[in-house]
C-alpha atoms as a PDB file:
ATOM      1  CA  UNK A   1     -18.860  65.846 -98.849  1.00  0.00           C
ATOM      2  CA  UNK A   2     -19.630  62.237 -97.879  1.00  0.00           C
ATOM      3  CA  UNK A   3     -21.675  61.420 -94.814  1.00  0.00           C
ATOM      4  CA  UNK A   4     -19.658  60.108 -91.883  1.00  0.00           C
ATOM      5  CA  UNK A   5     -20.834  56.615 -90.857  1.00  0.00           C
ATOM      6  CA  UNK A   6     -20.589  56.258 -87.080  1.00  0.00           C
ATOM      7  CA  UNK A   7     -21.124  53.164 -84.995  1.00  0.00           C
ATOM      8  CA  UNK A   8     -24.263  53.138 -82.820  1.00  0.00           C
ATOM      9  CA  UNK A   9     -23.930  54.747 -79.368  1.00  0.00           C
ATOM     10  CA  UNK A  10     -26.303  52.332 -77.632  1.00  0.00           C
ATOM     11  CA  UNK A  11     -23.788  49.573 -76.784  1.00  0.00           C
ATOM     12  CA  UNK A  12     -21.388  52.084 -75.242  1.00  0.00           C
ATOM     13  CA  UNK A  13     -24.080  53.860 -73.242  1.00  0.00           C
ATOM     14  CA  UNK A  14     -25.577  50.564 -72.090  1.00  0.00           C
ATOM     15  CA  UNK A  15     -22.217  49.217 -70.853  1.00  0.00           C
ATOM     16  CA  UNK A  16     -21.387  52.467 -69.037  1.00  0.00           C
ATOM     17  CA  UNK A  17     -24.792  52.730 -67.380  1.00  0.00           C
ATOM     18  CA  UNK A  18     -24.722  49.030 -66.459  1.00  0.00           C
ATOM     19  CA  UNK A  19     -21.345  49.454 -64.743  1.00  0.00           C
ATOM     20  CA  UNK A  20     -22.542  52.586 -62.929  1.00  0.00           C
ATOM     21  CA  UNK A  21     -25.543  50.651 -61.592  1.00  0.00           C
ATOM     22  CA  UNK A  22     -23.351  47.817 -60.334  1.00  0.00           C
ATOM     23  CA  UNK A  23     -20.917  50.281 -58.728  1.00  0.00           C
ATOM     24  CA  UNK A  24     -23.857  51.760 -56.811  1.00  0.00           C
ATOM     25  CA  UNK A  25     -25.334  48.390 -55.764  1.00  0.00           C
ATOM     26  CA  UNK A  26     -28.370  48.849 -58.034  1.00  0.00           C
ATOM     27  CA  UNK A  27     -30.153  46.089 -59.959  1.00  0.00           C
ATOM     28  CA  UNK A  28     -30.061  46.726 -63.728  1.00  0.00           C
ATOM     29  CA  UNK A  29     -33.230  45.842 -65.629  1.00  0.00           C
ATOM     30  CA  UNK A  30     -33.257  45.759 -69.424  1.00  0.00           C
ATOM     31  CA  UNK A  31     -36.433  46.554 -71.381  1.00  0.00           C
ATOM     32  CA  UNK A  32     -36.474  44.590 -74.649  1.00  0.00           C
ATOM     33  CA  UNK A  33     -38.579  45.017 -77.788  1.00  0.00           C
ATOM     34  CA  UNK A  34     -39.270  41.342 -78.513  1.00  0.00           C
ATOM     35  CA  UNK A  35     -40.541  42.095 -82.011  1.00  0.00           C
ATOM     36  CA  UNK A  36     -37.013  42.805 -83.292  1.00  0.00           C
ATOM     37  CA  UNK A  37     -35.703  39.929 -85.415  1.00  0.00           C
ATOM     38  CA  UNK A  38     -33.269  37.651 -83.633  1.00  0.00           C
ATOM     39  CA  UNK A  39     -34.648  38.034 -80.086  1.00  0.00           C
ATOM     40  CA  UNK A  40     -34.481  34.827 -78.083  1.00  0.00           C
ATOM     41  CA  UNK A  41     -36.318  35.401 -74.804  1.00  0.00           C
ATOM     42  CA  UNK A  42     -38.809  33.344 -72.768  1.00  0.00           C
ATOM     43  CA  UNK A  43     -42.064  33.881 -74.651  1.00  0.00           C
ATOM     44  CA  UNK A  44     -44.319  33.218 -71.650  1.00  0.00           C
ATOM     45  CA  UNK A  45     -43.126  36.469 -70.028  1.00  0.00           C
ATOM     46  CA  UNK A  46     -43.623  38.774 -73.028  1.00  0.00           C
ATOM     47  CA  UNK A  47     -46.249  41.490 -72.487  1.00  0.00           C
ATOM     48  CA  UNK A  48     -47.280  43.952 -75.196  1.00  0.00           C
ATOM     49  CA  UNK A  49     -44.261  43.045 -77.326  1.00  0.00           C
ATOM     50  CA  UNK A  50     -41.788  43.705 -74.511  1.00  0.00           C
ATOM     51  CA  UNK A  51     -40.025  41.849 -71.752  1.00  0.00           C
ATOM     52  CA  UNK A  52     -38.098  43.206 -68.768  1.00  0.00           C
ATOM     53  CA  UNK A  53     -34.973  41.244 -67.883  1.00  0.00           C
ATOM     54  CA  UNK A  54     -32.931  41.414 -64.689  1.00  0.00           C
ATOM     55  CA  UNK A  55     -29.342  41.485 -65.953  1.00  0.00           C
ATOM     56  CA  UNK A  56     -27.596  41.732 -62.580  1.00  0.00           C
ATOM     57  CA  UNK A  57     -24.612  39.366 -62.284  1.00  0.00           C
ATOM     58  CA  UNK A  58     -26.509  37.143 -59.822  1.00  0.00           C
ATOM     59  CA  UNK A  59     -29.378  36.711 -62.300  1.00  0.00           C
ATOM     60  CA  UNK A  60     -27.624  36.627 -65.681  1.00  0.00           C
ATOM     61  CA  UNK A  61     -24.895  34.007 -65.955  1.00  0.00           C
ATOM     62  CA  UNK A  62     -22.135  34.562 -68.514  1.00  0.00           C
ATOM     63  CA  UNK A  63     -23.509  37.991 -69.417  1.00  0.00           C
ATOM     64  CA  UNK A  64     -21.977  39.485 -72.560  1.00  0.00           C
ATOM     65  CA  UNK A  65     -22.672  43.119 -73.495  1.00  0.00           C
ATOM     66  CA  UNK A  66     -21.287  43.167 -77.031  1.00  0.00           C
ATOM     67  CA  UNK A  67     -21.605  45.840 -79.708  1.00  0.00           C
ATOM     68  CA  UNK A  68     -24.207  43.837 -81.620  1.00  0.00           C
ATOM     69  CA  UNK A  69     -26.055  41.852 -78.932  1.00  0.00           C
ATOM     70  CA  UNK A  70     -26.602  41.119 -75.259  1.00  0.00           C
ATOM     71  CA  UNK A  71     -26.595  37.453 -74.330  1.00  0.00           C
ATOM     72  CA  UNK A  72     -26.591  35.360 -71.187  1.00  0.00           C
ATOM     73  CA  UNK A  73     -28.192  32.382 -69.460  1.00  0.00           C
ATOM     74  CA  UNK A  74     -30.835  32.789 -66.775  1.00  0.00           C
ATOM     75  CA  UNK A  75     -33.505  30.827 -64.941  1.00  0.00           C
ATOM     76  CA  UNK A  76     -37.148  31.479 -65.732  1.00  0.00           C
ATOM     77  CA  UNK A  77     -39.752  29.592 -63.684  1.00  0.00           C
ATOM     78  CA  UNK A  78     -36.972  27.241 -62.581  1.00  0.00           C
ATOM     79  CA  UNK A  79     -35.814  26.435 -66.121  1.00  0.00           C
ATOM     80  CA  UNK A  80     -32.402  27.536 -67.362  1.00  0.00           C
ATOM     81  CA  UNK A  81     -32.693  29.346 -70.672  1.00  0.00           C
ATOM     82  CA  UNK A  82     -30.325  31.090 -73.038  1.00  0.00           C
ATOM     83  CA  UNK A  83     -31.251  34.710 -73.814  1.00  0.00           C
ATOM     84  CA  UNK A  84     -30.129  36.603 -76.925  1.00  0.00           C
ATOM     85  CA  UNK A  85     -31.088  40.254 -77.393  1.00  0.00           C
ATOM     86  CA  UNK A  86     -29.900  42.097 -80.502  1.00  0.00           C
ATOM     87  CA  UNK A  87     -28.643  45.543 -79.480  1.00  0.00           C
ATOM     88  CA  UNK A  88     -31.356  47.069 -81.687  1.00  0.00           C
ATOM     89  CA  UNK A  89     -33.962  45.453 -79.390  1.00  0.00           C
ATOM     90  CA  UNK A  90     -32.632  47.110 -76.205  1.00  0.00           C
ATOM     91  CA  UNK A  91     -35.211  49.821 -75.464  1.00  0.00           C
ATOM     92  CA  UNK A  92     -34.144  50.996 -72.000  1.00  0.00           C
ATOM     93  CA  UNK A  93     -31.946  50.211 -69.008  1.00  0.00           C
ATOM     94  CA  UNK A  94     -33.053  51.243 -65.530  1.00  0.00           C
ATOM     95  CA  UNK A  95     -32.372  50.453 -61.868  1.00  0.00           C
ATOM     96  CA  UNK A  96     -35.074  48.471 -60.080  1.00  0.00           C
ATOM     97  CA  UNK A  97     -34.521  50.321 -56.808  1.00  0.00           C
ATOM     98  CA  UNK A  98     -35.029  53.909 -57.970  1.00  0.00           C
ATOM     99  CA  UNK A  99     -35.837  53.906 -61.703  1.00  0.00           C
ATOM    100  CA  UNK A 100     -32.593  55.689 -62.621  1.00  0.00           C
ATOM    101  CA  UNK A 101     -31.570  54.898 -66.165  1.00  0.00           C
ATOM    102  CA  UNK A 102     -32.282  55.805 -69.754  1.00  0.00           C
ATOM    103  CA  UNK A 103     -34.484  55.106 -72.739  1.00  0.00           C
ATOM    104  CA  UNK A 104     -32.289  54.614 -75.792  1.00  0.00           C
ATOM    105  CA  UNK A 105     -32.855  56.700 -78.926  1.00  0.00           C
ATOM    106  CA  UNK A 106     -33.587  54.986 -82.238  1.00  0.00           C
ATOM    107  CA  UNK A 107     -30.438  54.118 -84.165  1.00  0.00           C
ATOM    108  CA  UNK A 108     -29.632  52.288 -87.386  1.00  0.00           C
ATOM    109  CA  UNK A 109     -28.203  48.871 -86.568  1.00  0.00           C
ATOM    110  CA  UNK A 110     -28.522  47.416 -90.084  1.00  0.00           C
ATOM    111  CA  UNK A 111     -24.750  47.175 -90.499  1.00  0.00           C
ATOM    112  CA  UNK A 112     -24.242  45.853 -86.960  1.00  0.00           C
ATOM    113  CA  UNK A 113     -26.683  42.963 -86.662  1.00  0.00           C
ATOM    114  CA  UNK A 114     -25.798  39.427 -85.738  1.00  0.00           C
ATOM    115  CA  UNK A 115     -27.548  36.164 -85.121  1.00  0.00           C
ATOM    116  CA  UNK A 116     -27.318  33.914 -82.096  1.00  0.00           C
ATOM    117  CA  UNK A 117     -24.462  31.478 -82.162  1.00  0.00           C
ATOM    118  CA  UNK A 118     -25.422  27.820 -81.905  1.00  0.00           C
ATOM    119  CA  UNK A 119     -25.567  26.248 -78.471  1.00  0.00           C
ATOM    120  CA  UNK A 120     -22.221  24.803 -77.452  1.00  0.00           C
ATOM    121  CA  UNK A 121     -22.380  21.054 -77.776  1.00  0.00           C
ATOM    122  CA  UNK A 122     -20.783  18.567 -75.485  1.00  0.00           C
ATOM    123  CA  UNK A 123     -18.340  16.767 -77.734  1.00  0.00           C
ATOM    124  CA  UNK A 124     -17.794  13.111 -76.878  1.00  0.00           C
ATOM    125  CA  UNK A 125     -14.420  12.781 -75.256  1.00  0.00           C
ATOM    126  CA  UNK A 126     -11.912  10.684 -77.143  1.00  0.00           C
ATOM    127  CA  UNK A 127     -10.380   7.819 -75.208  1.00  0.00           C
ATOM    128  CA  UNK A 128      -6.947   8.725 -73.931  1.00  0.00           C
ATOM    129  CA  UNK A 129      -4.209   7.125 -75.972  1.00  0.00           C
ATOM    130  CA  UNK A 130      -1.938   4.622 -74.337  1.00  0.00           C
ATOM    131  CA  UNK A 131       1.386   6.021 -73.282  1.00  0.00           C
ATOM    132  CA  UNK A 132       4.301   5.630 -75.647  1.00  0.00           C
ATOM    133  CA  UNK A 133       6.466   4.761 -72.642  1.00  0.00           C
ATOM    134  CA  UNK A 134       7.353   1.140 -71.870  1.00  0.00           C
ATOM    135  CA  UNK A 135       7.577  -0.404 -68.443  1.00  0.00           C
ATOM    136  CA  UNK A 136      11.025  -1.816 -67.762  1.00  0.00           C
ATOM    137  CA  UNK A 137      11.582  -4.399 -65.023  1.00  0.00           C
END
């Protein structure tokens, strides 16, 4: 009998726990293993191969909790920075106020990895075309 290939549980558990924390006015903090390929985090705050990120809505702009990655923009030491965390790098999610949360079990994400998308670029705006209408006097 062939082995059933299931998707990783981590993204589902992370989203559910994140929503529970917000519903209870708690501040979700994400522990990240920065040694996982594809991590884009502020290097000056990495300690022992990990970083703890506040992912509350007030701290993490445009937060996306996707199946393959967590990404958002945040300010670090006054500088806005884009953050990209592959789901495989998410070690734990806990509430700052009381420590409630979970440490995620190891899972195989080899079939579910992605890379950061390029920064959106400001495209130069084309000049508006003149109207096809004529002025009649």
